[in-house]
């Protein structure tokens, strides 16, 4: 099972969501966008076990994936 955590606007927009089974982050994103079409037009970053990822990353049992909205520094 993958633990999915949503933050900010993503949490407000999607609320509680069902996490599809996926072997890697590319598959997870594809499945989430199919299930929740609003994600197609939404910018977000991904973190796996508290590390930002930009490339396809394998997902293991009980890992935590976070969907993070864009942020700005200041």
C-alpha atoms as a PDB file:
ATOM      1  CA  UNK A   1       0.000   0.000   0.000  1.00  0.00           C
ATOM      2  CA  UNK A   2       1.184   3.484  -0.874  1.00  0.00           C
ATOM      3  CA  UNK A   3       0.492   6.323   1.537  1.00  0.00           C
ATOM      4  CA  UNK A   4      -0.508   9.453  -0.360  1.00  0.00           C
ATOM      5  CA  UNK A   5      -0.358  12.867   1.275  1.00  0.00           C
ATOM      6  CA  UNK A   6      -1.792  16.011  -0.307  1.00  0.00           C
ATOM      7  CA  UNK A   7      -0.869  19.560   0.631  1.00  0.00           C
ATOM      8  CA  UNK A   8      -2.337  23.034   0.157  1.00  0.00           C
ATOM      9  CA  UNK A   9      -4.616  23.631  -2.784  1.00  0.00           C
ATOM     10  CA  UNK A  10      -4.388  19.987  -3.868  1.00  0.00           C
ATOM     11  CA  UNK A  11      -5.834  18.849  -0.557  1.00  0.00           C
ATOM     12  CA  UNK A  12      -8.607  21.436  -0.764  1.00  0.00           C
ATOM     13  CA  UNK A  13      -9.474  20.490  -4.342  1.00  0.00           C
ATOM     14  CA  UNK A  14      -9.275  16.699  -4.070  1.00  0.00           C
ATOM     15  CA  UNK A  15      -9.985  15.988  -0.418  1.00  0.00           C
ATOM     16  CA  UNK A  16      -9.526  12.312   0.418  1.00  0.00           C
ATOM     17  CA  UNK A  17      -8.597  10.236  -2.605  1.00  0.00           C
ATOM     18  CA  UNK A  18      -8.176   6.560  -3.343  1.00  0.00           C
ATOM     19  CA  UNK A  19      -4.614   5.572  -4.090  1.00  0.00           C
ATOM     20  CA  UNK A  20      -4.216   3.255  -7.078  1.00  0.00           C
ATOM     21  CA  UNK A  21      -1.580   0.546  -7.011  1.00  0.00           C
ATOM     22  CA  UNK A  22       1.484   1.637  -8.926  1.00  0.00           C
ATOM     23  CA  UNK A  23       5.010   0.333  -9.242  1.00  0.00           C
ATOM     24  CA  UNK A  24       6.573   3.725  -9.945  1.00  0.00           C
ATOM     25  CA  UNK A  25       5.832   7.439  -9.866  1.00  0.00           C
ATOM     26  CA  UNK A  26       5.153   7.725 -13.613  1.00  0.00           C
ATOM     27  CA  UNK A  27       2.443   5.075 -13.382  1.00  0.00           C
ATOM     28  CA  UNK A  28       1.008   6.648 -10.234  1.00  0.00           C
ATOM     29  CA  UNK A  29       0.732  10.083 -11.860  1.00  0.00           C
ATOM     30  CA  UNK A  30      -0.864   8.611 -14.973  1.00  0.00           C
ATOM     31  CA  UNK A  31      -3.454   6.697 -12.913  1.00  0.00           C
ATOM     32  CA  UNK A  32      -4.211   9.687 -10.670  1.00  0.00           C
ATOM     33  CA  UNK A  33      -4.745  11.946 -13.693  1.00  0.00           C
ATOM     34  CA  UNK A  34      -7.146   9.381 -15.182  1.00  0.00           C
ATOM     35  CA  UNK A  35      -9.054   9.122 -11.892  1.00  0.00           C
ATOM     36  CA  UNK A  36      -8.968  12.842 -11.116  1.00  0.00           C
ATOM     37  CA  UNK A  37      -8.949  14.828 -14.402  1.00  0.00           C
ATOM     38  CA  UNK A  38      -8.493  18.118 -12.520  1.00  0.00           C
ATOM     39  CA  UNK A  39      -4.844  17.068 -12.056  1.00  0.00           C
ATOM     40  CA  UNK A  40      -4.254  17.378 -15.817  1.00  0.00           C
ATOM     41  CA  UNK A  41      -4.255  21.171 -15.521  1.00  0.00           C
ATOM     42  CA  UNK A  42      -2.674  21.354 -12.071  1.00  0.00           C
ATOM     43  CA  UNK A  43       1.019  21.903 -11.382  1.00  0.00           C
ATOM     44  CA  UNK A  44       2.520  19.873  -8.575  1.00  0.00           C
ATOM     45  CA  UNK A  45       5.762  18.308  -7.463  1.00  0.00           C
ATOM     46  CA  UNK A  46       6.257  14.857  -6.058  1.00  0.00           C
ATOM     47  CA  UNK A  47       8.149  13.683  -3.017  1.00  0.00           C
ATOM     48  CA  UNK A  48       8.772  10.040  -2.165  1.00  0.00           C
ATOM     49  CA  UNK A  49       9.601   9.367   1.470  1.00  0.00           C
ATOM     50  CA  UNK A  50      10.300  13.085   2.040  1.00  0.00           C
ATOM     51  CA  UNK A  51      12.648  13.473  -0.950  1.00  0.00           C
ATOM     52  CA  UNK A  52      11.659  15.546  -3.973  1.00  0.00           C
ATOM     53  CA  UNK A  53      11.797  13.506  -7.160  1.00  0.00           C
ATOM     54  CA  UNK A  54      11.897  14.714 -10.728  1.00  0.00           C
ATOM     55  CA  UNK A  55      12.513  11.402 -12.475  1.00  0.00           C
ATOM     56  CA  UNK A  56      10.503   8.202 -12.512  1.00  0.00           C
ATOM     57  CA  UNK A  57      11.063   6.563  -9.116  1.00  0.00           C
ATOM     58  CA  UNK A  58      10.168   3.018  -8.018  1.00  0.00           C
ATOM     59  CA  UNK A  59       7.556   2.813  -5.262  1.00  0.00           C
ATOM     60  CA  UNK A  60       7.836   0.259  -2.508  1.00  0.00           C
ATOM     61  CA  UNK A  61       5.323  -1.139  -0.050  1.00  0.00           C
ATOM     62  CA  UNK A  62       4.394   1.413   2.639  1.00  0.00           C
ATOM     63  CA  UNK A  63       6.261   4.302   1.025  1.00  0.00           C
ATOM     64  CA  UNK A  64       4.822   7.787   1.360  1.00  0.00           C
ATOM     65  CA  UNK A  65       4.197   9.891  -1.724  1.00  0.00           C
ATOM     66  CA  UNK A  66       3.406  13.576  -1.302  1.00  0.00           C
ATOM     67  CA  UNK A  67       1.797  15.774  -3.935  1.00  0.00           C
ATOM     68  CA  UNK A  68       3.068  19.307  -3.361  1.00  0.00           C
ATOM     69  CA  UNK A  69       1.584  22.420  -4.929  1.00  0.00           C
ATOM     70  CA  UNK A  70       3.946  24.961  -6.481  1.00  0.00           C
ATOM     71  CA  UNK A  71       5.566  27.239  -3.956  1.00  0.00           C
ATOM     72  CA  UNK A  72       7.468  30.477  -4.130  1.00  0.00           C
ATOM     73  CA  UNK A  73      10.369  31.556  -1.991  1.00  0.00           C
ATOM     74  CA  UNK A  74      10.839  34.825  -0.346  1.00  0.00           C
END
